[in-house]
Amino acid sequence: MISHLTHGIALTELQCIKKWHVAHRKNHPLEYHVWDAVLTLWLIGWVGWLPALALDAWWALPPCAIAILVPRLYIGWRKQVHIQQRLRCDWMDCTR
């Protein structure tokens, strides 16, 4: 499970997954909204760490770091459950 954390996720992968969700949002509305939430948390993490650092809000740095990792964690989790055949993941081709 840790192996997906050792490499970064390219923006092209994130874009490919987003395009898949937009194209299939009528058939998979929950997945579409979950992916939007994942990207929102990721963006909050990247935007929030600098003000947290500048304002000495040390308590906010760990949540920002976790938020930055959310796409990696989500994609890794989806790969795991897809491999275990517990949840189908049709956009898996984007992450290869």
PDB file of N, CA and C in Angstrom:
ATOM      1  N   MET A   1       0.810  -1.195   0.000  1.00  0.00           N
ATOM      2  CA  MET A   1       0.000   0.000   0.000  1.00  0.00           C
ATOM      3  C   MET A   1       0.855   1.260   0.000  1.00  0.00           C
ATOM      4  N   ILE A   2       2.032   1.201   0.567  1.00  0.00           N
ATOM      5  CA  ILE A   2       2.897   2.372   0.634  1.00  0.00           C
ATOM      6  C   ILE A   2       3.544   2.652  -0.716  1.00  0.00           C
ATOM      7  N   SER A   3       3.598   1.696  -1.613  1.00  0.00           N
ATOM      8  CA  SER A   3       4.307   1.884  -2.881  1.00  0.00           C
ATOM      9  C   SER A   3       3.745   3.039  -3.697  1.00  0.00           C
ATOM     10  N   HIS A   4       2.451   3.315  -3.619  1.00  0.00           N
ATOM     11  CA  HIS A   4       1.880   4.418  -4.389  1.00  0.00           C
ATOM     12  C   HIS A   4       2.264   5.778  -3.818  1.00  0.00           C
ATOM     13  N   LEU A   5       2.818   5.814  -2.613  1.00  0.00           N
ATOM     14  CA  LEU A   5       3.244   7.084  -2.032  1.00  0.00           C
ATOM     15  C   LEU A   5       4.663   7.456  -2.443  1.00  0.00           C
ATOM     16  N   THR A   6       5.416   6.504  -2.965  1.00  0.00           N
ATOM     17  CA  THR A   6       6.808   6.755  -3.279  1.00  0.00           C
ATOM     18  C   THR A   6       7.004   7.498  -4.584  1.00  0.00           C
ATOM     19  N   HIS A   7       6.009   7.545  -5.426  1.00  0.00           N
ATOM     20  CA  HIS A   7       6.129   8.302  -6.664  1.00  0.00           C
ATOM     21  C   HIS A   7       5.030   9.350  -6.715  1.00  0.00           C
ATOM     22  N   GLY A   8       5.312  10.419  -7.393  1.00  0.00           N
ATOM     23  CA  GLY A   8       4.333  11.486  -7.510  1.00  0.00           C
ATOM     24  C   GLY A   8       3.282  11.167  -8.558  1.00  0.00           C
ATOM     25  N   ILE A   9       2.246  11.929  -8.527  1.00  0.00           N
ATOM     26  CA  ILE A   9       1.194  11.807  -9.530  1.00  0.00           C
ATOM     27  C   ILE A   9       1.345  12.999 -10.463  1.00  0.00           C
ATOM     28  N   ALA A  10       1.484  12.717 -11.729  1.00  0.00           N
ATOM     29  CA  ALA A  10       1.645  13.787 -12.708  1.00  0.00           C
ATOM     30  C   ALA A  10       0.327  14.530 -12.901  1.00  0.00           C
ATOM     31  N   LEU A  11       0.446  15.794 -13.227  1.00  0.00           N
ATOM     32  CA  LEU A  11      -0.757  16.579 -13.503  1.00  0.00           C
ATOM     33  C   LEU A  11      -1.523  16.007 -14.687  1.00  0.00           C
ATOM     34  N   THR A  12      -0.815  15.375 -15.621  1.00  0.00           N
ATOM     35  CA  THR A  12      -1.506  14.763 -16.757  1.00  0.00           C
ATOM     36  C   THR A  12      -2.392  13.607 -16.301  1.00  0.00           C
ATOM     37  N   GLU A  13      -1.943  12.870 -15.274  1.00  0.00           N
ATOM     38  CA  GLU A  13      -2.777  11.800 -14.723  1.00  0.00           C
ATOM     39  C   GLU A  13      -4.027  12.372 -14.063  1.00  0.00           C
ATOM     40  N   LEU A  14      -3.835  13.426 -13.274  1.00  0.00           N
ATOM     41  CA  LEU A  14      -4.984  14.065 -12.618  1.00  0.00           C
ATOM     42  C   LEU A  14      -5.958  14.602 -13.663  1.00  0.00           C
ATOM     43  N   GLN A  15      -5.420  15.186 -14.725  1.00  0.00           N
ATOM     44  CA  GLN A  15      -6.266  15.718 -15.789  1.00  0.00           C
ATOM     45  C   GLN A  15      -7.003  14.601 -16.511  1.00  0.00           C
ATOM     46  N   CYS A  16      -6.332  13.493 -16.773  1.00  0.00           N
ATOM     47  CA  CYS A  16      -6.969  12.358 -17.448  1.00  0.00           C
ATOM     48  C   CYS A  16      -8.120  11.807 -16.604  1.00  0.00           C
ATOM     49  N   ILE A  17      -7.882  11.661 -15.313  1.00  0.00           N
ATOM     50  CA  ILE A  17      -8.937  11.163 -14.421  1.00  0.00           C
ATOM     51  C   ILE A  17     -10.104  12.140 -14.384  1.00  0.00           C
ATOM     52  N   LYS A  18      -9.796  13.431 -14.310  1.00  0.00           N
ATOM     53  CA  LYS A  18     -10.854  14.448 -14.288  1.00  0.00           C
ATOM     54  C   LYS A  18     -11.667  14.416 -15.580  1.00  0.00           C
ATOM     55  N   LYS A  19     -10.986  14.287 -16.726  1.00  0.00           N
ATOM     56  CA  LYS A  19     -11.694  14.221 -18.004  1.00  0.00           C
ATOM     57  C   LYS A  19     -12.613  13.002 -18.046  1.00  0.00           C
ATOM     58  N   TRP A  20     -12.146  11.874 -17.511  1.00  0.00           N
ATOM     59  CA  TRP A  20     -12.985  10.671 -17.482  1.00  0.00           C
ATOM     60  C   TRP A  20     -14.235  10.943 -16.649  1.00  0.00           C
ATOM     61  N   HIS A  21     -14.055  11.554 -15.473  1.00  0.00           N
ATOM     62  CA  HIS A  21     -15.196  11.825 -14.603  1.00  0.00           C
ATOM     63  C   HIS A  21     -16.178  12.799 -15.240  1.00  0.00           C
ATOM     64  N   VAL A  22     -15.674  13.812 -15.927  1.00  0.00           N
ATOM     65  CA  VAL A  22     -16.560  14.766 -16.598  1.00  0.00           C
ATOM     66  C   VAL A  22     -17.337  14.063 -17.709  1.00  0.00           C
ATOM     67  N   ALA A  23     -16.654  13.215 -18.466  1.00  0.00           N
ATOM     68  CA  ALA A  23     -17.312  12.512 -19.570  1.00  0.00           C
ATOM     69  C   ALA A  23     -18.359  11.510 -19.085  1.00  0.00           C
ATOM     70  N   HIS A  24     -18.185  10.986 -17.868  1.00  0.00           N
ATOM     71  CA  HIS A  24     -19.085   9.946 -17.351  1.00  0.00           C
ATOM     72  C   HIS A  24     -19.892  10.413 -16.146  1.00  0.00           C
ATOM     73  N   ARG A  25     -20.028  11.718 -15.952  1.00  0.00           N
ATOM     74  CA  ARG A  25     -20.691  12.211 -14.735  1.00  0.00           C
ATOM     75  C   ARG A  25     -22.158  11.842 -14.647  1.00  0.00           C
ATOM     76  N   LYS A  26     -22.832  11.639 -15.778  1.00  0.00           N
ATOM     77  CA  LYS A  26     -24.251  11.250 -15.721  1.00  0.00           C
ATOM     78  C   LYS A  26     -24.412   9.807 -15.264  1.00  0.00           C
ATOM     79  N   ASN A  27     -23.470   8.947 -15.646  1.00  0.00           N
ATOM     80  CA  ASN A  27     -23.539   7.537 -15.252  1.00  0.00           C
ATOM     81  C   ASN A  27     -22.916   7.282 -13.887  1.00  0.00           C
ATOM     82  N   HIS A  28     -21.990   8.134 -13.464  1.00  0.00           N
ATOM     83  CA  HIS A  28     -21.267   7.946 -12.204  1.00  0.00           C
ATOM     84  C   HIS A  28     -21.237   9.262 -11.409  1.00  0.00           C
ATOM     85  N   PRO A  29     -22.395   9.769 -10.990  1.00  0.00           N
ATOM     86  CA  PRO A  29     -22.405  11.083 -10.321  1.00  0.00           C
ATOM     87  C   PRO A  29     -21.670  11.097  -8.975  1.00  0.00           C
ATOM     88  N   LEU A  30     -21.748  10.019  -8.218  1.00  0.00           N
ATOM     89  CA  LEU A  30     -21.068   9.992  -6.932  1.00  0.00           C
ATOM     90  C   LEU A  30     -19.552  10.035  -7.117  1.00  0.00           C
ATOM     91  N   GLU A  31     -19.058   9.226  -8.051  1.00  0.00           N
ATOM     92  CA  GLU A  31     -17.619   9.240  -8.336  1.00  0.00           C
ATOM     93  C   GLU A  31     -17.162  10.621  -8.780  1.00  0.00           C
ATOM     94  N   TYR A  32     -17.973  11.276  -9.598  1.00  0.00           N
ATOM     95  CA  TYR A  32     -17.663  12.619 -10.085  1.00  0.00           C
ATOM     96  C   TYR A  32     -17.498  13.587  -8.913  1.00  0.00           C
ATOM     97  N   HIS A  33     -18.424  13.548  -7.962  1.00  0.00           N
ATOM     98  CA  HIS A  33     -18.369  14.461  -6.825  1.00  0.00           C
ATOM     99  C   HIS A  33     -17.251  14.098  -5.849  1.00  0.00           C
ATOM    100  N   VAL A  34     -16.990  12.817  -5.684  1.00  0.00           N
ATOM    101  CA  VAL A  34     -15.887  12.409  -4.811  1.00  0.00           C
ATOM    102  C   VAL A  34     -14.563  12.897  -5.392  1.00  0.00           C
ATOM    103  N   TRP A  35     -14.382  12.756  -6.712  1.00  0.00           N
ATOM    104  CA  TRP A  35     -13.137  13.212  -7.325  1.00  0.00           C
ATOM    105  C   TRP A  35     -13.002  14.731  -7.202  1.00  0.00           C
ATOM    106  N   ASP A  36     -14.099  15.469  -7.342  1.00  0.00           N
ATOM    107  CA  ASP A  36     -14.052  16.915  -7.124  1.00  0.00           C
ATOM    108  C   ASP A  36     -13.631  17.240  -5.690  1.00  0.00           C
ATOM    109  N   ALA A  37     -14.127  16.483  -4.726  1.00  0.00           N
ATOM    110  CA  ALA A  37     -13.739  16.692  -3.328  1.00  0.00           C
ATOM    111  C   ALA A  37     -12.252  16.396  -3.127  1.00  0.00           C
ATOM    112  N   VAL A  38     -11.762  15.341  -3.761  1.00  0.00           N
ATOM    113  CA  VAL A  38     -10.341  14.986  -3.679  1.00  0.00           C
ATOM    114  C   VAL A  38      -9.487  16.134  -4.223  1.00  0.00           C
ATOM    115  N   LEU A  39      -9.857  16.645  -5.394  1.00  0.00           N
ATOM    116  CA  LEU A  39      -9.093  17.751  -5.986  1.00  0.00           C
ATOM    117  C   LEU A  39      -9.210  19.028  -5.165  1.00  0.00           C
ATOM    118  N   THR A  40     -10.369  19.257  -4.559  1.00  0.00           N
ATOM    119  CA  THR A  40     -10.549  20.437  -3.714  1.00  0.00           C
ATOM    120  C   THR A  40      -9.647  20.374  -2.490  1.00  0.00           C
ATOM    121  N   LEU A  41      -9.596  19.216  -1.847  1.00  0.00           N
ATOM    122  CA  LEU A  41      -8.707  19.056  -0.687  1.00  0.00           C
ATOM    123  C   LEU A  41      -7.252  19.233  -1.086  1.00  0.00           C
ATOM    124  N   TRP A  42      -6.882  18.684  -2.232  1.00  0.00           N
ATOM    125  CA  TRP A  42      -5.516  18.804  -2.737  1.00  0.00           C
ATOM    126  C   TRP A  42      -5.153  20.285  -2.930  1.00  0.00           C
ATOM    127  N   LEU A  43      -6.059  21.026  -3.537  1.00  0.00           N
ATOM    128  CA  LEU A  43      -5.833  22.453  -3.771  1.00  0.00           C
ATOM    129  C   LEU A  43      -5.768  23.222  -2.455  1.00  0.00           C
ATOM    130  N   ILE A  44      -6.641  22.900  -1.512  1.00  0.00           N
ATOM    131  CA  ILE A  44      -6.612  23.548  -0.198  1.00  0.00           C
ATOM    132  C   ILE A  44      -5.267  23.312   0.479  1.00  0.00           C
ATOM    133  N   GLY A  45      -4.762  22.101   0.369  1.00  0.00           N
ATOM    134  CA  GLY A  45      -3.459  21.786   0.962  1.00  0.00           C
ATOM    135  C   GLY A  45      -2.347  22.626   0.369  1.00  0.00           C
ATOM    136  N   TRP A  46      -2.315  22.726  -0.961  1.00  0.00           N
ATOM    137  CA  TRP A  46      -1.261  23.498  -1.619  1.00  0.00           C
ATOM    138  C   TRP A  46      -1.392  24.989  -1.354  1.00  0.00           C
ATOM    139  N   VAL A  47      -2.608  25.489  -1.322  1.00  0.00           N
ATOM    140  CA  VAL A  47      -2.806  26.921  -1.100  1.00  0.00           C
ATOM    141  C   VAL A  47      -2.623  27.270   0.379  1.00  0.00           C
ATOM    142  N   GLY A  48      -2.937  26.354   1.263  1.00  0.00           N
ATOM    143  CA  GLY A  48      -2.944  26.659   2.689  1.00  0.00           C
ATOM    144  C   GLY A  48      -1.622  26.570   3.408  1.00  0.00           C
ATOM    145  N   TRP A  49      -0.651  25.828   2.881  1.00  0.00           N
ATOM    146  CA  TRP A  49       0.577  25.633   3.657  1.00  0.00           C
ATOM    147  C   TRP A  49       1.390  26.904   3.810  1.00  0.00           C
ATOM    148  N   LEU A  50       1.446  27.741   2.784  1.00  0.00           N
ATOM    149  CA  LEU A  50       2.257  28.957   2.877  1.00  0.00           C
ATOM    150  C   LEU A  50       1.670  29.967   3.876  1.00  0.00           C
ATOM    151  N   PRO A  51       0.361  30.262   3.817  1.00  0.00           N
ATOM    152  CA  PRO A  51      -0.191  31.150   4.853  1.00  0.00           C
ATOM    153  C   PRO A  51      -0.054  30.555   6.259  1.00  0.00           C
ATOM    154  N   ALA A  52      -0.211  29.255   6.383  1.00  0.00           N
ATOM    155  CA  ALA A  52      -0.057  28.621   7.700  1.00  0.00           C
ATOM    156  C   ALA A  52       1.367  28.823   8.219  1.00  0.00           C
ATOM    157  N   LEU A  53       2.316  28.698   7.330  1.00  0.00           N
ATOM    158  CA  LEU A  53       3.713  28.901   7.709  1.00  0.00           C
ATOM    159  C   LEU A  53       3.974  30.371   8.041  1.00  0.00           C
ATOM    160  N   ALA A  54       3.471  31.263   7.213  1.00  0.00           N
ATOM    161  CA  ALA A  54       3.684  32.699   7.411  1.00  0.00           C
ATOM    162  C   ALA A  54       3.010  33.222   8.683  1.00  0.00           C
ATOM    163  N   LEU A  55       1.876  32.651   9.036  1.00  0.00           N
ATOM    164  CA  LEU A  55       1.124  33.110  10.212  1.00  0.00           C
ATOM    165  C   LEU A  55       1.455  32.309  11.473  1.00  0.00           C
ATOM    166  N   ASP A  56       2.473  31.479  11.390  1.00  0.00           N
ATOM    167  CA  ASP A  56       2.878  30.629  12.518  1.00  0.00           C
ATOM    168  C   ASP A  56       1.738  29.749  13.026  1.00  0.00           C
ATOM    169  N   ALA A  57       0.898  29.310  12.127  1.00  0.00           N
ATOM    170  CA  ALA A  57      -0.191  28.387  12.479  1.00  0.00           C
ATOM    171  C   ALA A  57       0.313  26.963  12.267  1.00  0.00           C
ATOM    172  N   TRP A  58       1.195  26.542  13.149  1.00  0.00           N
ATOM    173  CA  TRP A  58       1.844  25.235  13.006  1.00  0.00           C
ATOM    174  C   TRP A  58       0.848  24.094  13.028  1.00  0.00           C
ATOM    175  N   TRP A  59      -0.253  24.284  13.731  1.00  0.00           N
ATOM    176  CA  TRP A  59      -1.286  23.252  13.803  1.00  0.00           C
ATOM    177  C   TRP A  59      -1.886  22.976  12.424  1.00  0.00           C
ATOM    178  N   ALA A  60      -1.828  23.949  11.502  1.00  0.00           N
ATOM    179  CA  ALA A  60      -2.443  23.791  10.178  1.00  0.00           C
ATOM    180  C   ALA A  60      -1.539  23.074   9.185  1.00  0.00           C
ATOM    181  N   LEU A  61      -0.260  22.950   9.476  1.00  0.00           N
ATOM    182  CA  LEU A  61       0.656  22.313   8.530  1.00  0.00           C
ATOM    183  C   LEU A  61       0.382  20.819   8.331  1.00  0.00           C
ATOM    184  N   PRO A  62       0.164  20.030   9.389  1.00  0.00           N
ATOM    185  CA  PRO A  62      -0.144  18.608   9.148  1.00  0.00           C
ATOM    186  C   PRO A  62      -1.420  18.386   8.325  1.00  0.00           C
ATOM    187  N   PRO A  63      -2.535  19.111   8.596  1.00  0.00           N
ATOM    188  CA  PRO A  63      -3.702  18.929   7.726  1.00  0.00           C
ATOM    189  C   PRO A  63      -3.424  19.324   6.269  1.00  0.00           C
ATOM    190  N   CYS A  64      -2.614  20.353   6.063  1.00  0.00           N
ATOM    191  CA  CYS A  64      -2.266  20.754   4.697  1.00  0.00           C
ATOM    192  C   CYS A  64      -1.449  19.650   4.013  1.00  0.00           C
ATOM    193  N   ALA A  65      -0.502  19.071   4.746  1.00  0.00           N
ATOM    194  CA  ALA A  65       0.309  17.987   4.177  1.00  0.00           C
ATOM    195  C   ALA A  65      -0.564  16.784   3.829  1.00  0.00           C
ATOM    196  N   ILE A  66      -1.492  16.446   4.691  1.00  0.00           N
ATOM    197  CA  ILE A  66      -2.402  15.331   4.412  1.00  0.00           C
ATOM    198  C   ILE A  66      -3.272  15.652   3.206  1.00  0.00           C
ATOM    199  N   ALA A  67      -3.761  16.887   3.127  1.00  0.00           N
ATOM    200  CA  ALA A  67      -4.598  17.289   1.995  1.00  0.00           C
ATOM    201  C   ALA A  67      -3.834  17.190   0.680  1.00  0.00           C
ATOM    202  N   ILE A  68      -2.547  17.515   0.702  1.00  0.00           N
ATOM    203  CA  ILE A  68      -1.724  17.407  -0.503  1.00  0.00           C
ATOM    204  C   ILE A  68      -1.603  15.947  -0.943  1.00  0.00           C
ATOM    205  N   LEU A  69      -1.628  15.024   0.003  1.00  0.00           N
ATOM    206  CA  LEU A  69      -1.498  13.598  -0.307  1.00  0.00           C
ATOM    207  C   LEU A  69      -2.812  12.921  -0.687  1.00  0.00           C
ATOM    208  N   VAL A  70      -3.935  13.612  -0.537  1.00  0.00           N
ATOM    209  CA  VAL A  70      -5.245  12.990  -0.761  1.00  0.00           C
ATOM    210  C   VAL A  70      -5.372  12.324  -2.139  1.00  0.00           C
ATOM    211  N   PRO A  71      -4.965  12.950  -3.248  1.00  0.00           N
ATOM    212  CA  PRO A  71      -5.097  12.251  -4.532  1.00  0.00           C
ATOM    213  C   PRO A  71      -4.292  10.943  -4.582  1.00  0.00           C
ATOM    214  N   ARG A  72      -3.069  10.964  -4.055  1.00  0.00           N
ATOM    215  CA  ARG A  72      -2.257   9.740  -4.031  1.00  0.00           C
ATOM    216  C   ARG A  72      -2.931   8.653  -3.210  1.00  0.00           C
ATOM    217  N   LEU A  73      -3.433   9.047  -2.044  1.00  0.00           N
ATOM    218  CA  LEU A  73      -4.089   8.078  -1.167  1.00  0.00           C
ATOM    219  C   LEU A  73      -5.350   7.520  -1.809  1.00  0.00           C
ATOM    220  N   TYR A  74      -6.144   8.393  -2.421  1.00  0.00           N
ATOM    221  CA  TYR A  74      -7.395   7.966  -3.044  1.00  0.00           C
ATOM    222  C   TYR A  74      -7.126   7.042  -4.235  1.00  0.00           C
ATOM    223  N   ILE A  75      -6.198   7.431  -5.090  1.00  0.00           N
ATOM    224  CA  ILE A  75      -5.881   6.594  -6.254  1.00  0.00           C
ATOM    225  C   ILE A  75      -5.310   5.256  -5.800  1.00  0.00           C
ATOM    226  N   GLY A  76      -4.442   5.281  -4.805  1.00  0.00           N
ATOM    227  CA  GLY A  76      -3.889   4.035  -4.269  1.00  0.00           C
ATOM    228  C   GLY A  76      -4.957   3.131  -3.683  1.00  0.00           C
ATOM    229  N   TRP A  77      -5.886   3.727  -2.936  1.00  0.00           N
ATOM    230  CA  TRP A  77      -6.973   2.947  -2.358  1.00  0.00           C
ATOM    231  C   TRP A  77      -7.853   2.361  -3.449  1.00  0.00           C
ATOM    232  N   ARG A  78      -8.184   3.175  -4.469  1.00  0.00           N
ATOM    233  CA  ARG A  78      -9.024   2.686  -5.560  1.00  0.00           C
ATOM    234  C   ARG A  78      -8.340   1.558  -6.320  1.00  0.00           C
ATOM    235  N   LYS A  79      -7.026   1.659  -6.516  1.00  0.00           N
ATOM    236  CA  LYS A  79      -6.288   0.576  -7.178  1.00  0.00           C
ATOM    237  C   LYS A  79      -6.377  -0.705  -6.365  1.00  0.00           C
ATOM    238  N   GLN A  80      -6.211  -0.579  -5.046  1.00  0.00           N
ATOM    239  CA  GLN A  80      -6.266  -1.754  -4.166  1.00  0.00           C
ATOM    240  C   GLN A  80      -7.623  -2.450  -4.246  1.00  0.00           C
ATOM    241  N   VAL A  81      -8.693  -1.687  -4.110  1.00  0.00           N
ATOM    242  CA  VAL A  81     -10.013  -2.318  -4.117  1.00  0.00           C
ATOM    243  C   VAL A  81     -10.385  -2.811  -5.513  1.00  0.00           C
ATOM    244  N   HIS A  82      -9.834  -2.185  -6.549  1.00  0.00           N
ATOM    245  CA  HIS A  82     -10.056  -2.666  -7.913  1.00  0.00           C
ATOM    246  C   HIS A  82      -9.362  -4.019  -8.117  1.00  0.00           C
ATOM    247  N   ILE A  83      -8.139  -4.117  -7.653  1.00  0.00           N
ATOM    248  CA  ILE A  83      -7.387  -5.371  -7.764  1.00  0.00           C
ATOM    249  C   ILE A  83      -8.079  -6.481  -6.975  1.00  0.00           C
ATOM    250  N   GLN A  84      -8.625  -6.137  -5.824  1.00  0.00           N
ATOM    251  CA  GLN A  84      -9.342  -7.106  -4.985  1.00  0.00           C
ATOM    252  C   GLN A  84     -10.744  -7.395  -5.507  1.00  0.00           C
ATOM    253  N   GLN A  85     -11.121  -6.719  -6.570  1.00  0.00           N
ATOM    254  CA  GLN A  85     -12.434  -6.850  -7.211  1.00  0.00           C
ATOM    255  C   GLN A  85     -13.589  -6.543  -6.263  1.00  0.00           C
ATOM    256  N   ARG A  86     -13.365  -5.579  -5.379  1.00  0.00           N
ATOM    257  CA  ARG A  86     -14.434  -5.127  -4.498  1.00  0.00           C
ATOM    258  C   ARG A  86     -15.136  -3.898  -5.049  1.00  0.00           C
ATOM    259  N   LEU A  87     -14.437  -3.155  -5.919  1.00  0.00           N
ATOM    260  CA  LEU A  87     -14.985  -1.939  -6.504  1.00  0.00           C
ATOM    261  C   LEU A  87     -14.334  -1.744  -7.868  1.00  0.00           C
ATOM    262  N   ARG A  88     -15.153  -1.612  -8.877  1.00  0.00           N
ATOM    263  CA  ARG A  88     -14.617  -1.445 -10.231  1.00  0.00           C
ATOM    264  C   ARG A  88     -14.132  -0.009 -10.425  1.00  0.00           C
ATOM    265  N   CYS A  89     -13.028   0.122 -11.117  1.00  0.00           N
ATOM    266  CA  CYS A  89     -12.471   1.429 -11.370  1.00  0.00           C
ATOM    267  C   CYS A  89     -12.183   1.554 -12.867  1.00  0.00           C
ATOM    268  N   ASP A  90     -13.094   2.183 -13.579  1.00  0.00           N
ATOM    269  CA  ASP A  90     -12.985   2.282 -15.036  1.00  0.00           C
ATOM    270  C   ASP A  90     -11.939   3.297 -15.489  1.00  0.00           C
ATOM    271  N   TRP A  91     -11.542   4.218 -14.643  1.00  0.00           N
ATOM    272  CA  TRP A  91     -10.566   5.227 -15.038  1.00  0.00           C
ATOM    273  C   TRP A  91      -9.134   4.810 -14.704  1.00  0.00           C
ATOM    274  N   MET A  92      -8.957   3.554 -14.344  1.00  0.00           N
ATOM    275  CA  MET A  92      -7.623   3.057 -13.967  1.00  0.00           C
ATOM    276  C   MET A  92      -6.610   3.187 -15.105  1.00  0.00           C
ATOM    277  N   ASP A  93      -7.060   3.183 -16.358  1.00  0.00           N
ATOM    278  CA  ASP A  93      -6.141   3.309 -17.485  1.00  0.00           C
ATOM    279  C   ASP A  93      -5.379   4.631 -17.456  1.00  0.00           C
ATOM    280  N   CYS A  94      -5.940   5.631 -16.817  1.00  0.00           N
ATOM    281  CA  CYS A  94      -5.280   6.947 -16.745  1.00  0.00           C
ATOM    282  C   CYS A  94      -4.049   6.937 -15.849  1.00  0.00           C
ATOM    283  N   THR A  95      -3.948   5.995 -14.937  1.00  0.00           N
ATOM    284  CA  THR A  95      -2.877   5.998 -13.945  1.00  0.00           C
ATOM    285  C   THR A  95      -1.798   4.984 -14.257  1.00  0.00           C
ATOM    286  N   ARG A  96      -1.739   4.502 -15.438  1.00  0.00           N
ATOM    287  CA  ARG A  96      -0.700   3.511 -15.787  1.00  0.00           C
ATOM    288  C   ARG A  96       0.438   4.143 -16.503  1.00  0.00           C
TER     289      ARG A  96
END
